[in-house]
Every structure is written in structure tokens, then in C-alpha cells.
Protein backbone atom coordinates (compact mmCIF):
# COMPACT_ATOMS: atom_id res chain seq x y z
CA UNK A 1 87.42 192.91 79.93
CA UNK A 2 90.67 191.02 79.31
CA UNK A 3 93.12 192.23 77.17
CA UNK A 4 93.83 190.19 74.00
CA UNK A 5 97.28 188.72 73.76
CA UNK A 6 100.24 190.61 72.28
CA UNK A 7 100.52 188.47 69.03
CA UNK A 8 103.67 188.84 66.74
CA UNK A 9 102.76 190.65 63.46
CA UNK A 10 104.24 187.86 61.39
CA UNK A 11 102.13 185.22 63.34
CA UNK A 12 99.02 187.35 63.00
CA UNK A 13 99.49 187.65 59.20
CA UNK A 14 100.15 183.70 58.83
CA UNK A 15 96.82 183.41 61.21
CA UNK A 16 94.88 185.57 58.59
CA UNK A 17 96.24 183.70 55.69
CA UNK A 18 95.46 180.08 57.02
CA UNK A 19 92.11 181.28 58.44
CA UNK A 20 91.27 182.57 55.12
CA UNK A 21 92.05 179.29 53.33
CA UNK A 22 90.11 177.06 55.93
CA UNK A 23 86.77 179.10 55.61
CA UNK A 24 87.12 178.75 51.67
CA UNK A 25 87.66 175.08 51.80
CA UNK A 26 86.63 173.24 55.25
CA UNK A 27 87.90 170.25 54.07
CA UNK A 28 91.40 171.84 53.76
CA UNK A 29 94.30 170.29 56.17
CA UNK A 30 95.40 173.77 56.57
CA UNK A 31 93.45 173.74 59.83
CA UNK A 32 96.55 171.93 61.57
CA UNK A 33 98.97 174.63 60.67
CA UNK A 34 96.37 177.24 61.74
CA UNK A 35 96.08 175.52 64.85
CA UNK A 36 99.92 175.70 65.40
CA UNK A 37 100.01 179.35 64.81
CA UNK A 38 97.21 179.82 67.23
CA UNK A 39 99.60 177.82 69.66
CA UNK A 40 102.39 180.13 69.06
CA UNK A 41 100.37 183.13 69.98
CA UNK A 42 99.22 181.44 73.07
CA UNK A 43 95.62 181.47 71.60
CA UNK A 44 94.71 178.15 73.26
CA UNK A 45 90.89 178.26 73.06
CA UNK A 46 91.24 179.47 69.38
CA UNK A 47 93.39 176.48 68.55
CA UNK A 48 91.32 173.98 70.40
CA UNK A 49 87.99 175.13 68.29
CA UNK A 50 90.17 174.88 64.83
CA UNK A 51 91.43 171.40 65.96
CA UNK A 52 88.05 170.24 66.98
CA UNK A 53 86.57 171.22 63.83
CA UNK A 54 89.25 169.79 61.89
CA UNK A 55 88.92 166.44 63.33
CA UNK A 56 85.01 166.19 62.47
CA UNK A 57 86.28 166.20 59.03
CA UNK A 58 89.38 163.97 59.50
CA UNK A 59 88.60 161.79 62.73
CA UNK A 60 91.74 159.55 62.41
CA UNK A 61 94.25 162.26 61.85
CA UNK A 62 96.58 161.29 64.82
CA UNK A 63 98.90 164.43 64.60
CA UNK A 64 95.80 166.71 64.71
CA UNK A 65 94.68 164.31 67.77
CA UNK A 66 98.06 164.82 69.61
CA UNK A 67 97.86 168.54 69.14
CA UNK A 68 94.42 168.65 70.65
CA UNK A 69 95.46 166.71 73.68
CA UNK A 70 98.38 169.09 74.21
CA UNK A 71 95.91 171.95 73.94
CA UNK A 72 93.30 170.45 76.42
CA UNK A 73 96.24 169.98 78.69
CA UNK A 74 96.94 173.46 78.58
CA UNK A 75 93.40 174.52 79.18
CA UNK A 76 93.36 172.35 82.26
CA UNK A 77 90.88 169.88 80.67
CA UNK A 78 92.61 166.89 82.01
CA UNK A 79 89.99 164.11 81.25
CA UNK A 80 89.66 165.23 77.67
CA UNK A 81 93.48 165.39 77.36
CA UNK A 82 94.08 161.99 78.82
CA UNK A 83 91.28 160.31 76.66
CA UNK A 84 92.51 161.57 73.46
CA UNK A 85 96.20 161.25 74.19
CA UNK A 86 95.36 157.51 75.23
CA UNK A 87 93.95 156.91 71.67
CA UNK A 88 96.82 158.70 70.15
CA UNK A 89 99.30 156.22 71.81
CA UNK A 90 97.18 153.19 70.95
CA UNK A 91 97.27 153.98 67.39
CA UNK A 92 100.88 155.33 67.64
CA UNK A 93 103.01 153.86 70.48
CA UNK A 94 106.01 155.66 69.29
CA UNK A 95 104.25 159.21 69.92
CA UNK A 96 106.77 160.46 72.55
CA UNK A 97 104.86 163.81 72.96
CA UNK A 98 101.60 162.07 73.73
CA UNK A 99 103.62 159.70 76.21
CA UNK A 100 105.25 162.77 77.82
CA UNK A 101 102.02 164.68 78.49
CA UNK A 102 100.27 161.28 79.61
CA UNK A 103 103.27 160.51 82.05
CA UNK A 104 102.67 163.85 84.02
CA UNK A 105 98.86 163.37 83.89
CA UNK A 106 99.13 159.76 85.23
CA UNK A 107 101.79 160.80 87.99
CA UNK A 108 99.35 163.72 89.08
CA UNK A 109 96.46 161.43 89.36
CA UNK A 110 98.48 158.90 91.31
CA UNK A 111 98.51 156.18 88.38
CA UNK A 112 102.20 155.36 89.25
CA UNK A 113 102.19 152.38 86.89
CA UNK A 114 100.91 154.13 83.98
CA UNK A 115 103.09 157.03 84.45
CA UNK A 116 106.04 154.59 84.66
CA UNK A 117 105.11 152.91 81.53
CA UNK A 118 104.92 155.95 79.49
CA UNK A 119 108.16 157.08 81.06
CA UNK A 120 109.51 153.80 79.80
CA UNK A 121 108.38 154.43 76.23
CA UNK A 122 110.31 157.61 76.03
CA UNK A 123 113.45 156.02 77.51
CA UNK A 124 113.21 153.33 75.06
CA UNK A 125 113.53 155.79 72.18
CA UNK A 126 115.72 158.17 73.92
CA UNK A 127 117.60 156.70 77.08
CA UNK A 128 119.07 160.02 77.83
CA UNK A 129 115.84 162.04 77.95
CA UNK A 130 116.44 164.14 81.18
CA UNK A 131 112.83 164.93 81.70
CA UNK A 132 111.65 161.33 81.55
CA UNK A 133 114.80 159.99 83.71
CA UNK A 134 113.70 162.91 86.28
CA UNK A 135 110.01 161.78 86.49
CA UNK A 136 111.07 158.00 86.73
CA UNK A 137 113.20 158.78 89.67
CA UNK A 138 110.38 160.74 91.15
CA UNK A 139 108.08 157.83 90.72
CA UNK A 140 110.32 155.40 91.84
CA UNK A 141 112.19 157.13 94.46
CA UNK A 142 115.25 155.15 93.18
CA UNK A 143 118.78 156.21 91.72
CA UNK A 144 118.49 156.35 87.82
CA UNK A 145 120.18 153.38 86.42
CA UNK A 146 122.10 154.89 83.65
CA UNK A 147 123.03 152.89 80.51
CA UNK A 148 126.21 151.08 80.45
CA UNK A 149 127.74 153.31 77.72
CA UNK A 150 126.63 156.43 79.79
CA UNK A 151 127.96 154.80 83.17
CA UNK A 152 131.23 154.23 81.77
CA UNK A 153 131.40 157.75 80.58
CA UNK A 154 130.46 159.42 83.62
CA UNK A 155 133.21 157.24 85.62
CA UNK A 156 135.96 158.23 83.35
CA UNK A 157 134.90 161.93 83.64
CA UNK A 158 135.06 161.63 87.42
CA UNK A 159 138.41 159.79 87.31
CA UNK A 160 140.06 162.37 84.90
CA UNK A 161 138.73 165.21 87.16
CA UNK A 162 140.09 163.77 90.28
CA UNK A 163 143.48 163.06 88.65
CA UNK A 164 143.45 166.61 87.05
CA UNK A 165 143.05 168.18 90.64
CA UNK A 166 145.89 165.88 92.31
CA UNK A 167 148.83 168.03 92.72
CA UNK A 168 151.94 167.00 94.98
CA UNK A 169 153.48 169.48 97.19
CA UNK A 170 156.89 170.65 96.31
CA UNK A 171 158.34 169.20 99.55
CA UNK A 172 156.83 165.72 98.41
CA UNK A 173 158.45 166.02 94.97
CA UNK A 174 161.61 166.86 96.46
CA UNK A 175 161.44 164.14 99.03
CA UNK A 176 160.55 161.68 96.07
CA UNK A 177 163.64 162.71 93.97
CA UNK A 178 165.93 162.28 96.77
CA UNK A 179 164.42 158.81 98.10
CA UNK A 180 166.56 155.80 96.74
CA UNK A 181 164.69 153.62 94.53
CA UNK A 182 166.88 150.57 94.81
CA UNK A 183 168.51 148.31 97.56
CA UNK A 184 172.25 149.29 96.35
CA UNK A 185 171.11 153.08 96.33
CA UNK A 186 169.65 152.98 99.68
CA UNK A 187 172.69 151.21 101.23
CA UNK A 188 174.77 154.25 99.35
CA UNK A 189 172.51 156.58 100.91
CA UNK A 190 172.79 155.13 104.43
CA UNK A 191 176.80 155.13 104.36
CA UNK A 192 178.45 158.10 105.78
CA UNK A 193 180.36 160.38 103.46
CA UNK A 194 183.56 159.92 105.51
CA UNK A 195 183.50 156.30 105.42
CA UNK A 196 183.18 156.34 101.54
CA UNK A 197 186.17 158.61 101.15
CA UNK A 198 189.69 156.83 101.77
CA UNK A 199 192.19 158.96 103.95
CA UNK A 200 195.45 159.60 102.37
CA UNK A 201 198.46 157.93 103.74
CA UNK A 202 201.12 159.94 105.91
CA UNK A 203 203.76 159.34 103.26
CA UNK A 204 201.75 160.79 100.63
CA UNK A 205 200.62 163.63 102.53
CA UNK A 206 204.27 164.73 103.61
CA UNK A 207 205.17 164.45 99.97
CA UNK A 208 202.34 166.63 98.78
CA UNK A 209 203.30 169.18 101.26
CA UNK A 210 206.95 169.09 100.11
CA UNK A 211 205.92 169.67 96.58
CA UNK A 212 203.79 172.62 97.46
CA UNK A 213 206.51 174.26 99.53
CA UNK A 214 209.04 174.10 96.73
CA UNK A 215 206.38 175.31 94.26
CA UNK A 216 205.64 178.32 96.52
CA UNK A 217 209.52 178.99 97.08
CA UNK A 218 209.95 179.00 93.17
CA UNK A 219 207.28 181.73 92.71
CA UNK A 220 208.69 183.72 95.50
CA UNK A 221 212.23 183.93 94.05
CA UNK A 222 210.78 184.91 90.74
CA UNK A 223 209.00 187.97 92.12
CA UNK A 224 212.04 188.95 94.24
CA UNK A 225 215.24 188.08 92.49
CA UNK A 226 217.28 190.46 94.73
CA UNK A 227 216.39 188.09 97.69
CA UNK A 228 218.37 185.23 96.07
CA UNK A 229 222.18 184.52 96.41
CA UNK A 230 224.71 187.28 95.04
């Protein structure tokens, strides 16, 4: 005998409360939250039974139909799940949960056009839905065509990343700092230093030496006065 699933005490208490309310009033819409609690506990068979009973009272209750389609999908009852979810999207084309399950069911059955149609219904409401984008890529085999806003965001992110990782070497930086940036500076850099500094004339050179010798003689006479004339 299979072991019963381990149920959270809070969920078990809520199941007891809602089951009592539905038993007292079979026309109560508490059957839907009761089914939700069964789903939380992983009790899919019990959820299916509650939803089927509730839908006999409220046959057009789209939210309960969508929940039952999900339960049938979990139980592996593909035909039942597809039939009830197709009715859901017929009444509520914007029911994304139903489209999500239908897209997978269609894709598994090889109905690629129907699967793609459900994907596009999801992407129309949310162009960034990753699950729908991935399924669309699987179906079409083509790269995902991102919306323009997201394409630009992706491009800017890649550009910022590449610029952030571009680091110049110290040698390159040093070379750039020494490289002349104008024609005049290029000419100055090409001119030898010796050519840019004029040589002093012989007369100026002799006068400079004479002044230095006189200055040195004065210093020596002050340091050794006894060596001077008596």
C-alpha cells in the first residue's frame, strides 16, 4: 500500500475546514480553494474529484476549468487536459496559464503551429517571458528576435562590458604620453637636442673663465691671508 503524502499541518487543517464547508453546502464555491489546498499538498486525484463535482454545479466557471486542466495534465490525462484548456482559451484568450500548458501539450504532440500560437499569446502579454521564448526557439529553431527595447539594452550592456575590460598596458600609456600630437611637436621631437642649444662664442667663453678664476683667487686669499703680500 502506497504511503500517504506528508501534509503540512496548516494545509491539512485548511483542507478539513473547507471540506466541511463544501459538505454542508454542495453549491458553495469553496470547492475551488479546497482544490487549491489539495494541489498544494500534491493530492492531485482529490483535487480532480473536487473540481469535477464543482463544475457540475458551475459548468462555466473558467477559473475552475483552468485548474482542472492543470490537474489533468499532472495526472497524465493529456486528452482531457487539452480539451478543457482549449475551452478555457476559447472563452478567455488571455488566460496565460492555459496557454502555457497547451503550448507544451501541442509541442509534445507535434502540433507545432498550435504550440507556436499559444507561445505568441503569452509573448503578446509578456514579451520577456523566458519559458515562452525558450519554447518558441525550440519550435522554430531560429534565434529569438528580442523586442527593440531589449535589443538596445543588451547591446549597451555588451558595449559597457567590453569597455570595462579594456585596460591599456603601462608601456602603451607611456608611449602615448611621449608621442607628439601636433606637427610642430613632431618636428621638435625629431630635432636633436644639441642642434637646438646654441654653442657659446669663444670670447664669452674666455670672459667666463676669467671671472671664475678671479672669484676663486678672492676666496683663497680670504681663507689664507698670510699668503698675501706683507
